[in-house]
N, C-alpha and C. Protein backbone atom coordinates (compact mmCIF):
# COMPACT_ATOMS: atom_id res chain seq x y z
N MET A 1 128.64 157.13 83.88
CA MET A 1 127.71 156.66 85.07
C MET A 1 127.76 155.05 85.63
N LYS A 2 127.39 154.16 84.58
CA LYS A 2 128.39 152.99 85.10
C LYS A 2 129.43 152.67 85.40
N LYS A 3 130.75 153.28 85.31
CA LYS A 3 131.34 153.53 86.43
C LYS A 3 131.79 154.17 87.37
N LYS A 4 131.07 155.00 87.67
CA LYS A 4 130.93 155.31 88.54
C LYS A 4 129.85 154.09 89.58
N ASN A 5 128.88 153.23 89.04
CA ASN A 5 127.90 152.41 90.03
C ASN A 5 129.14 151.79 90.18
N ILE A 6 130.17 151.23 88.87
CA ILE A 6 130.88 149.78 89.67
C ILE A 6 131.86 149.65 90.93
N ILE A 7 132.79 151.58 91.14
CA ILE A 7 133.48 151.69 91.74
C ILE A 7 132.53 151.85 93.56
N LEU A 8 131.28 152.41 93.23
CA LEU A 8 130.65 152.82 94.54
C LEU A 8 130.37 151.59 95.11
N CYS A 9 129.71 150.51 94.10
CA CYS A 9 129.36 148.42 94.62
C CYS A 9 130.56 148.30 94.84
N ALA A 10 131.88 148.43 94.49
CA ALA A 10 133.21 147.45 94.90
C ALA A 10 133.19 148.21 96.21
N GLY A 11 132.99 149.78 96.21
CA GLY A 11 133.14 150.02 98.36
C GLY A 11 132.30 149.75 98.92
N ILE A 12 131.07 149.88 98.43
CA ILE A 12 130.06 148.92 99.39
C ILE A 12 131.00 148.23 100.09
N LEU A 13 131.04 146.88 98.52
CA LEU A 13 130.99 145.92 98.76
C LEU A 13 132.78 145.34 100.10
N SER A 14 133.59 146.02 99.94
CA SER A 14 134.63 146.28 100.99
C SER A 14 134.31 147.42 102.26
N MET A 15 134.04 147.53 101.94
CA MET A 15 132.95 148.02 103.25
C MET A 15 132.45 146.35 104.23
N ALA A 16 131.58 146.11 103.09
CA ALA A 16 130.47 144.47 103.66
C ALA A 16 131.81 143.98 104.45
N ILE A 17 132.61 143.30 103.48
CA ILE A 17 133.78 142.07 103.55
C ILE A 17 134.42 142.68 104.74
N LEU A 18 134.75 143.73 104.71
CA LEU A 18 136.01 144.38 106.20
C LEU A 18 135.12 144.14 107.55
N GLY A 19 134.22 145.23 107.70
CA GLY A 19 132.42 145.44 108.59
C GLY A 19 132.17 144.27 109.11
N GLY A 20 131.74 143.17 108.04
CA GLY A 20 130.56 141.90 108.52
C GLY A 20 131.34 140.27 108.31
N CYS A 21 132.97 140.66 107.96
CA CYS A 21 133.71 139.52 108.02
C CYS A 21 134.40 139.31 109.16
N GLY A 22 134.40 139.31 109.88
CA GLY A 22 136.27 139.51 110.32
C GLY A 22 136.62 140.45 110.58
N GLY A 23 136.30 141.44 110.59
CA GLY A 23 137.51 142.19 110.57
C GLY A 23 137.74 142.75 111.61
N THR A 24 138.72 143.66 111.69
CA THR A 24 138.04 144.17 113.36
C THR A 24 138.38 146.17 113.35
N THR A 25 137.79 146.31 114.29
CA THR A 25 138.39 147.96 114.23
C THR A 25 139.48 148.42 115.17
N PRO A 26 140.15 149.59 114.86
CA PRO A 26 141.14 149.90 115.72
C PRO A 26 141.30 149.45 117.31
N GLU A 27 139.70 149.77 117.34
CA GLU A 27 139.22 149.74 119.36
C GLU A 27 138.91 147.91 119.40
N GLU A 28 139.19 147.32 118.03
CA GLU A 28 138.41 146.21 119.14
C GLU A 28 140.46 145.20 119.37
N ASN A 29 141.00 145.96 118.62
CA ASN A 29 142.59 145.12 118.20
C ASN A 29 143.19 145.55 118.95
N SER A 30 142.54 147.08 120.02
CA SER A 30 143.19 147.42 120.95
C SER A 30 143.16 146.67 122.13
N THR A 31 141.83 145.80 121.87
CA THR A 31 140.59 145.51 123.55
C THR A 31 142.01 144.11 123.83
N ALA A 32 141.82 143.81 122.90
CA ALA A 32 142.51 142.58 122.22
C ALA A 32 144.40 142.39 122.90
N ILE A 33 144.66 143.37 122.32
CA ILE A 33 146.05 143.32 123.00
C ILE A 33 146.07 143.69 123.91
N THR A 34 145.52 144.61 124.92
CA THR A 34 145.26 145.00 126.78
C THR A 34 145.04 143.62 127.17
N GLN A 35 144.38 142.86 126.84
CA GLN A 35 143.73 141.86 127.72
C GLN A 35 144.76 140.07 127.36
N GLU A 36 145.24 140.44 126.00
CA GLU A 36 147.00 139.64 126.28
C GLU A 36 148.24 139.80 127.07
N LYS A 37 147.90 140.78 127.19
CA LYS A 37 149.17 142.22 127.62
C LYS A 37 148.44 141.89 129.28
N THR A 38 147.75 141.89 130.17
CA THR A 38 147.07 141.93 131.52
C THR A 38 147.48 140.51 131.67
N THR A 39 146.42 139.19 130.81
CA THR A 39 146.83 137.49 130.97
C THR A 39 148.67 137.01 131.76
N ASP A 40 149.47 138.33 130.37
CA ASP A 40 150.77 137.29 130.51
C ASP A 40 151.25 138.09 132.01
N THR A 41 150.72 138.97 132.05
CA THR A 41 151.42 139.98 133.68
C THR A 41 151.03 139.53 134.57
N GLU A 42 149.47 138.88 134.52
CA GLU A 42 149.33 138.46 135.49
C GLU A 42 149.92 137.14 135.84
N ALA A 43 150.13 136.16 134.50
CA ALA A 43 151.10 134.63 134.60
C ALA A 43 152.83 135.22 135.08
N THR A 44 152.70 136.00 134.62
CA THR A 44 154.75 136.57 134.69
C THR A 44 154.51 136.89 136.71
N THR A 45 153.56 137.60 137.27
CA THR A 45 153.53 137.51 138.70
C THR A 45 153.36 136.62 139.48
N GLU A 46 152.57 135.29 139.20
CA GLU A 46 151.81 134.33 139.41
C GLU A 46 153.34 133.13 139.16
N ALA A 47 153.82 133.51 138.28
CA ALA A 47 155.57 132.48 138.84
C ALA A 47 156.41 133.22 139.77
N THR A 48 157.06 134.69 138.94
CA THR A 48 157.39 134.79 140.34
C THR A 48 157.31 134.77 142.15
N THR A 49 155.66 135.55 142.18
CA THR A 49 155.11 134.30 143.49
C THR A 49 155.66 133.02 144.29
N THR A 50 155.10 132.45 142.97
CA THR A 50 155.74 130.69 143.68
C THR A 50 157.15 130.57 143.73
N GLN A 51 157.93 131.13 143.61
CA GLN A 51 159.58 130.93 142.89
C GLN A 51 160.32 131.83 143.96
N GLU A 52 159.42 133.10 144.77
CA GLU A 52 159.45 133.52 146.10
C GLU A 52 158.98 132.78 147.53
N THR A 53 158.22 132.04 147.34
CA THR A 53 158.06 131.24 147.96
C THR A 53 158.68 129.77 148.27
N THR A 54 158.34 129.61 147.54
CA THR A 54 159.84 128.40 146.83
C THR A 54 161.39 128.41 147.51
N GLU A 55 161.18 129.78 147.65
CA GLU A 55 162.80 129.21 147.96
C GLU A 55 162.71 130.40 149.51
N THR A 56 162.00 131.04 150.22
CA THR A 56 161.54 131.43 151.50
C THR A 56 160.42 130.67 151.40
N GLY A 57 160.30 129.66 151.59
CA GLY A 57 159.04 129.23 152.45
C GLY A 57 159.06 128.78 153.96
N VAL A 58 158.08 129.03 154.72
CA VAL A 58 157.95 128.83 155.72
C VAL A 58 158.56 127.07 156.03
N ASP A 59 157.86 125.80 155.36
CA ASP A 59 159.13 125.21 155.77
C ASP A 59 160.38 124.96 155.66
N SER A 60 161.11 125.53 154.58
CA SER A 60 162.90 125.73 154.20
C SER A 60 162.75 126.50 155.69
N ASN A 61 162.19 127.93 155.62
CA ASN A 61 163.08 128.40 156.92
C ASN A 61 162.84 127.70 158.10
N ALA A 62 162.18 127.18 158.46
CA ALA A 62 162.19 126.38 159.76
C ALA A 62 162.76 125.03 159.11
N GLU A 63 162.96 124.70 159.39
CA GLU A 63 163.73 123.29 158.85
C GLU A 63 165.27 123.51 158.88
N PHE A 64 165.71 125.00 157.92
CA PHE A 64 166.97 125.26 157.93
C PHE A 64 167.25 126.07 159.75
N SER A 65 166.81 126.82 160.09
CA SER A 65 166.90 127.10 161.67
C SER A 65 167.57 126.02 162.38
N SER A 66 166.17 124.78 162.29
CA SER A 66 166.13 123.89 163.23
C SER A 66 168.56 122.91 163.19
N LEU A 67 168.19 123.17 161.67
CA LEU A 67 169.69 122.88 160.69
C LEU A 67 170.53 123.59 161.29
N MET A 68 170.26 124.66 161.37
CA MET A 68 171.77 125.75 161.32
C MET A 68 171.67 125.58 163.76
N THR A 69 170.98 124.76 163.90
CA THR A 69 171.13 125.37 165.37
C THR A 69 171.97 123.45 165.89
N GLU A 70 171.64 122.01 165.18
CA GLU A 70 172.34 121.47 165.09
C GLU A 70 173.41 121.15 164.85
N ILE A 71 173.73 122.27 163.91
CA ILE A 71 175.09 122.31 163.56
C ILE A 71 176.22 123.15 164.48
N TYR A 72 175.51 124.00 165.51
CA TYR A 72 175.51 124.71 165.84
C TYR A 72 176.14 123.80 167.29
N GLY A 73 175.21 122.82 167.80
CA GLY A 73 175.51 122.03 168.67
C GLY A 73 176.75 120.77 168.67
N VAL A 74 176.75 120.70 167.28
CA VAL A 74 178.19 119.69 167.05
C VAL A 74 179.22 120.49 167.59
N SER A 75 179.80 119.55 168.02
CA SER A 75 181.10 119.79 168.64
C SER A 75 182.52 119.33 167.70
N THR A 76 183.76 118.69 167.78
CA THR A 76 184.44 117.79 167.20
C THR A 76 184.17 116.92 167.50
N ASP A 77 183.31 116.18 167.63
CA ASP A 77 182.49 115.10 167.70
C ASP A 77 182.86 114.68 166.94
N ALA A 78 183.31 113.27 166.15
CA ALA A 78 183.15 113.24 164.71
C ALA A 78 181.76 112.51 164.33
N ALA A 79 181.17 111.41 165.57
CA ALA A 79 180.27 111.52 165.34
C ALA A 79 178.73 111.90 165.31
N SER A 80 178.73 112.83 165.47
CA SER A 80 177.48 113.89 165.87
C SER A 80 177.71 115.02 164.41
N ALA A 81 179.49 115.04 164.45
CA ALA A 81 178.91 115.33 162.91
C ALA A 81 179.12 115.05 161.84
N GLU A 82 178.65 113.71 161.67
CA GLU A 82 178.33 113.10 160.70
C GLU A 82 177.49 112.67 160.06
N THR A 83 175.86 112.47 161.53
CA THR A 83 175.01 112.75 161.39
C THR A 83 174.46 113.54 160.93
N VAL A 84 174.91 114.87 161.12
CA VAL A 84 174.66 116.49 161.21
C VAL A 84 175.64 116.91 159.98
N ALA A 85 176.47 116.06 159.43
CA ALA A 85 176.53 116.89 158.01
C ALA A 85 175.55 115.80 156.92
N GLU A 86 175.18 114.65 156.72
CA GLU A 86 174.04 113.90 156.69
C GLU A 86 172.89 114.96 156.35
N LYS A 87 172.87 114.71 157.38
CA LYS A 87 171.59 116.29 157.17
C LYS A 87 171.59 117.23 156.53
N PHE A 88 172.30 117.48 156.85
CA PHE A 88 173.36 119.10 156.14
C PHE A 88 173.09 118.61 154.19
N LYS A 89 173.14 117.67 154.05
CA LYS A 89 173.81 117.43 152.58
C LYS A 89 172.28 117.31 152.14
N ASP A 90 171.43 116.49 152.64
CA ASP A 90 169.86 116.07 151.74
C ASP A 90 169.65 117.80 151.81
N PHE A 91 169.65 119.01 153.19
CA PHE A 91 169.10 120.01 152.92
C PHE A 91 169.63 120.68 151.73
N ALA A 92 170.67 121.22 151.57
CA ALA A 92 171.16 121.87 150.60
C ALA A 92 171.08 120.72 149.25
N PHE A 93 170.64 119.28 148.73
CA PHE A 93 170.40 118.79 147.82
C PHE A 93 168.55 119.06 147.59
N THR A 94 167.90 118.95 148.66
CA THR A 94 166.49 119.18 148.39
C THR A 94 166.61 120.88 148.59
N ASN A 95 166.71 121.71 148.84
CA ASN A 95 166.75 123.35 148.89
C ASN A 95 167.92 124.46 148.07
N GLY A 96 168.90 123.56 147.78
CA GLY A 96 170.16 124.56 147.36
C GLY A 96 169.95 124.97 146.02
N ALA A 97 169.24 124.25 145.42
CA ALA A 97 169.38 124.26 143.62
C ALA A 97 167.79 125.41 143.34
N GLN A 98 167.32 125.59 143.77
CA GLN A 98 166.27 126.59 143.56
C GLN A 98 166.54 127.53 144.45
N SER A 99 167.62 128.19 145.24
CA SER A 99 167.57 129.48 145.74
C SER A 99 169.32 129.78 144.92
N SER A 100 169.32 130.77 145.41
CA SER A 100 171.35 131.67 145.20
C SER A 100 171.30 131.47 147.04
N SER A 101 172.86 131.40 146.96
CA SER A 101 174.11 131.94 148.26
C SER A 101 172.82 133.07 148.95
N THR A 102 172.43 133.99 148.29
CA THR A 102 171.76 135.02 148.54
C THR A 102 170.58 135.43 149.99
N THR A 103 169.94 133.67 149.08
CA THR A 103 168.81 133.50 149.92
C THR A 103 169.65 132.80 150.89
N PHE A 104 170.29 132.00 151.30
CA PHE A 104 170.96 131.23 152.42
C PHE A 104 171.77 131.83 153.62
N GLU A 105 171.99 133.37 152.65
CA GLU A 105 172.59 134.46 153.93
C GLU A 105 172.34 134.63 154.33
N THR A 106 170.71 135.43 153.78
CA THR A 106 169.71 136.08 154.68
C THR A 106 169.18 135.22 155.44
N MET A 107 169.30 133.52 155.35
CA MET A 107 168.30 133.03 156.42
C MET A 107 169.23 133.08 157.12
N ALA A 108 170.72 132.97 157.14
CA ALA A 108 171.19 132.30 158.48
C ALA A 108 171.32 133.56 158.84
N ASN A 109 171.92 134.39 158.36
CA ASN A 109 171.67 135.89 159.34
C ASN A 109 171.05 136.30 160.26
N ASP A 110 169.44 135.84 159.50
CA ASP A 110 168.50 136.29 160.35
C ASP A 110 168.34 135.22 161.82
N TRP A 111 168.78 133.46 161.35
CA TRP A 111 169.79 132.61 162.40
C TRP A 111 169.87 133.24 163.97
N PHE A 112 171.34 133.60 162.96
CA PHE A 112 172.31 134.56 163.83
C PHE A 112 171.23 135.89 164.86
N GLN A 113 170.56 136.29 163.91
CA GLN A 113 170.12 137.55 164.67
C GLN A 113 169.10 137.06 165.80
N THR A 114 169.06 136.01 165.81
CA THR A 114 167.68 135.75 166.89
C THR A 114 168.63 135.04 167.80
N MET A 115 169.43 134.29 167.33
CA MET A 115 170.29 133.19 168.42
C MET A 115 171.30 134.97 169.26
N GLU A 116 171.75 135.99 168.59
CA GLU A 116 171.80 137.11 169.29
C GLU A 116 170.51 137.45 170.86
N GLU A 117 169.79 137.72 169.65
CA GLU A 117 168.68 137.94 170.73
C GLU A 117 168.41 137.32 172.22
N THR A 118 168.69 135.37 171.78
CA THR A 118 168.45 134.89 172.75
C THR A 118 169.22 134.20 173.43
N GLU A 119 170.86 134.27 172.84
CA GLU A 119 172.16 133.98 173.49
C GLU A 119 172.79 134.88 174.60
N GLY A 120 172.46 136.84 173.75
CA GLY A 120 173.08 138.05 174.48
C GLY A 120 174.50 137.88 173.74
N LYS A 121 174.89 137.18 172.67
CA LYS A 121 175.97 137.72 172.51
C LYS A 121 176.12 136.49 170.58
N ASP A 122 177.01 137.58 170.12
CA ASP A 122 177.30 136.98 168.77
C ASP A 122 177.70 135.62 168.43
N ILE A 123 177.31 134.55 168.00
CA ILE A 123 177.86 133.25 168.19
C ILE A 123 178.47 133.58 166.72
N ARG A 124 178.57 134.07 165.89
CA ARG A 124 179.03 133.82 164.81
C ARG A 124 180.64 133.08 164.91
N SER A 125 181.36 133.60 165.41
CA SER A 125 182.97 132.15 165.50
C SER A 125 182.68 131.22 165.88
N GLU A 126 181.95 131.22 167.11
CA GLU A 126 181.62 129.80 167.54
C GLU A 126 181.09 128.57 166.36
N PHE A 127 180.12 129.57 166.39
CA PHE A 127 179.54 128.46 164.85
C PHE A 127 180.02 128.39 164.36
N SER A 128 181.33 128.84 163.30
CA SER A 128 182.35 128.87 162.23
C SER A 128 182.78 127.83 162.46
N GLY A 129 182.95 127.24 164.10
CA GLY A 129 184.25 126.48 164.21
C GLY A 129 183.30 124.84 164.02
N SER A 130 181.91 124.78 164.35
CA SER A 130 181.17 123.69 164.40
C SER A 130 180.71 123.52 162.51
N PHE A 131 180.34 124.84 161.90
CA PHE A 131 180.36 124.91 160.80
C PHE A 131 181.15 123.67 160.01
N GLU A 132 182.67 123.96 160.29
CA GLU A 132 183.45 123.64 159.46
C GLU A 132 183.65 122.27 159.85
N THR A 133 183.81 121.82 161.24
CA THR A 133 183.77 120.51 161.30
C THR A 133 182.87 119.58 160.52
N VAL A 134 181.34 120.14 160.26
CA VAL A 134 180.42 119.47 159.79
C VAL A 134 180.83 119.41 158.15
N THR A 135 180.68 120.23 157.33
CA THR A 135 181.47 120.59 156.48
C THR A 135 182.53 119.28 155.93
N SER A 136 183.82 119.32 157.26
CA SER A 136 184.91 118.51 156.52
C SER A 136 183.79 117.25 157.10
N ALA A 137 183.45 116.73 157.75
CA ALA A 137 182.28 115.55 157.77
C ALA A 137 182.21 115.48 156.23
N ALA A 138 181.01 116.29 155.66
CA ALA A 138 180.57 115.56 154.55
C ALA A 138 181.10 115.87 152.95
N GLN A 139 182.03 116.23 153.73
CA GLN A 139 183.26 116.51 151.56
C GLN A 139 183.63 115.36 152.02
N LYS A 140 184.34 114.53 153.77
CA LYS A 140 184.59 113.11 153.46
C LYS A 140 184.08 112.20 153.27
N MET A 141 182.58 112.66 153.89
CA MET A 141 181.88 111.16 152.91
C MET A 141 181.65 111.30 151.69
N ASP A 142 181.62 112.35 151.11
CA ASP A 142 181.57 112.38 149.62
C ASP A 142 181.89 113.63 149.07
N GLU A 143 183.43 112.98 148.42
CA GLU A 143 184.57 114.24 148.03
C GLU A 143 183.80 115.04 146.28
N THR A 144 182.84 114.68 145.79
CA THR A 144 182.04 115.68 144.56
C THR A 144 181.34 116.57 145.40
N LEU A 145 181.83 116.48 147.09
CA LEU A 145 181.51 117.76 147.23
C LEU A 145 180.85 119.19 147.08
N GLU A 146 182.56 119.74 146.75
CA GLU A 146 183.13 120.52 146.67
C GLU A 146 183.31 121.26 145.51
N PHE A 147 182.16 120.66 144.29
CA PHE A 147 182.31 120.86 142.88
C PHE A 147 180.72 120.70 143.40
N ASP A 148 180.27 120.64 143.71
CA ASP A 148 178.57 120.38 143.86
C ASP A 148 177.91 121.86 143.22
N VAL A 149 177.46 122.47 142.79
CA VAL A 149 176.79 124.01 142.97
C VAL A 149 175.71 123.70 143.77
N THR A 150 174.72 123.32 143.59
CA THR A 150 173.99 122.80 144.55
C THR A 150 174.16 123.57 146.44
N TYR A 151 175.12 122.01 145.73
CA TYR A 151 175.59 121.49 148.38
C TYR A 151 176.45 123.58 147.76
N LEU A 152 177.01 123.71 147.91
CA LEU A 152 178.37 124.96 147.53
C LEU A 152 176.90 126.26 147.19
N ASN A 153 175.66 125.81 147.08
CA ASN A 153 174.83 127.10 146.83
C ASN A 153 175.04 127.74 148.99
N VAL A 154 174.63 126.23 148.99
CA VAL A 154 173.82 126.69 150.82
C VAL A 154 175.46 126.50 151.89
N VAL A 155 176.42 126.08 151.69
CA VAL A 155 177.77 126.42 151.97
C VAL A 155 178.08 128.13 152.05
N ASN A 156 178.42 128.73 150.64
CA ASN A 156 178.64 129.83 150.76
C ASN A 156 177.72 130.54 151.30
N GLY A 157 176.71 130.92 151.00
CA GLY A 157 175.49 131.26 151.61
C GLY A 157 175.66 131.79 153.76
N ILE A 158 175.93 130.78 153.84
CA ILE A 158 176.33 130.18 156.02
C ILE A 158 177.52 130.95 155.63
N LEU A 159 178.47 131.13 154.86
CA LEU A 159 179.95 131.14 155.18
C LEU A 159 179.98 132.89 155.01
N ALA A 160 178.89 133.23 153.83
CA ALA A 160 179.30 134.76 154.05
C ALA A 160 178.81 134.92 155.16
N ALA A 161 177.14 134.40 155.55
CA ALA A 161 176.65 135.53 156.75
C ALA A 161 177.75 135.13 158.09
N ILE A 162 179.02 133.86 157.74
CA ILE A 162 179.60 134.40 159.47
C ILE A 162 180.10 135.84 158.61
N GLY A 163 180.81 135.44 157.68
CA GLY A 163 181.55 137.08 157.82
C GLY A 163 183.25 136.50 156.62
N GLU A 164 182.20 134.58 156.51
CA GLU A 164 184.12 134.65 155.74
C GLU A 164 184.16 134.76 154.34
């Protein structure tokens, strides 16, 4: 009988240690894992929302539209092309790294659609000449631009929207 009492006491002691000294039941462990996953999901959703806001922020869209209008207004005049080219470079360096060329293609398509509604015609071919003048002026000022990924994100997005 002494052997049975020792085994019984050992069993009770084991239960006391597991139950009262920080052991967890499967339900408690499941709750902690669920809470951790929920927190991770919330953090991921917040990060995604922040990135989307950064990529297509209202300030960036307004600035982009204004820049597209300035580019469209450039004739072959070198002086106005250089001024707009400098603004274009600044915009590209500020916004090009945080977005893909697809983002700029979408914004350019939106601008073209708005211009079609107000002008009554597709201005892509007219814009293409002005854009070529501006990008040429920018690359004459800084020859490294043709290799700059940030700058090229914006240029390639606009070219895709033009259809080139």
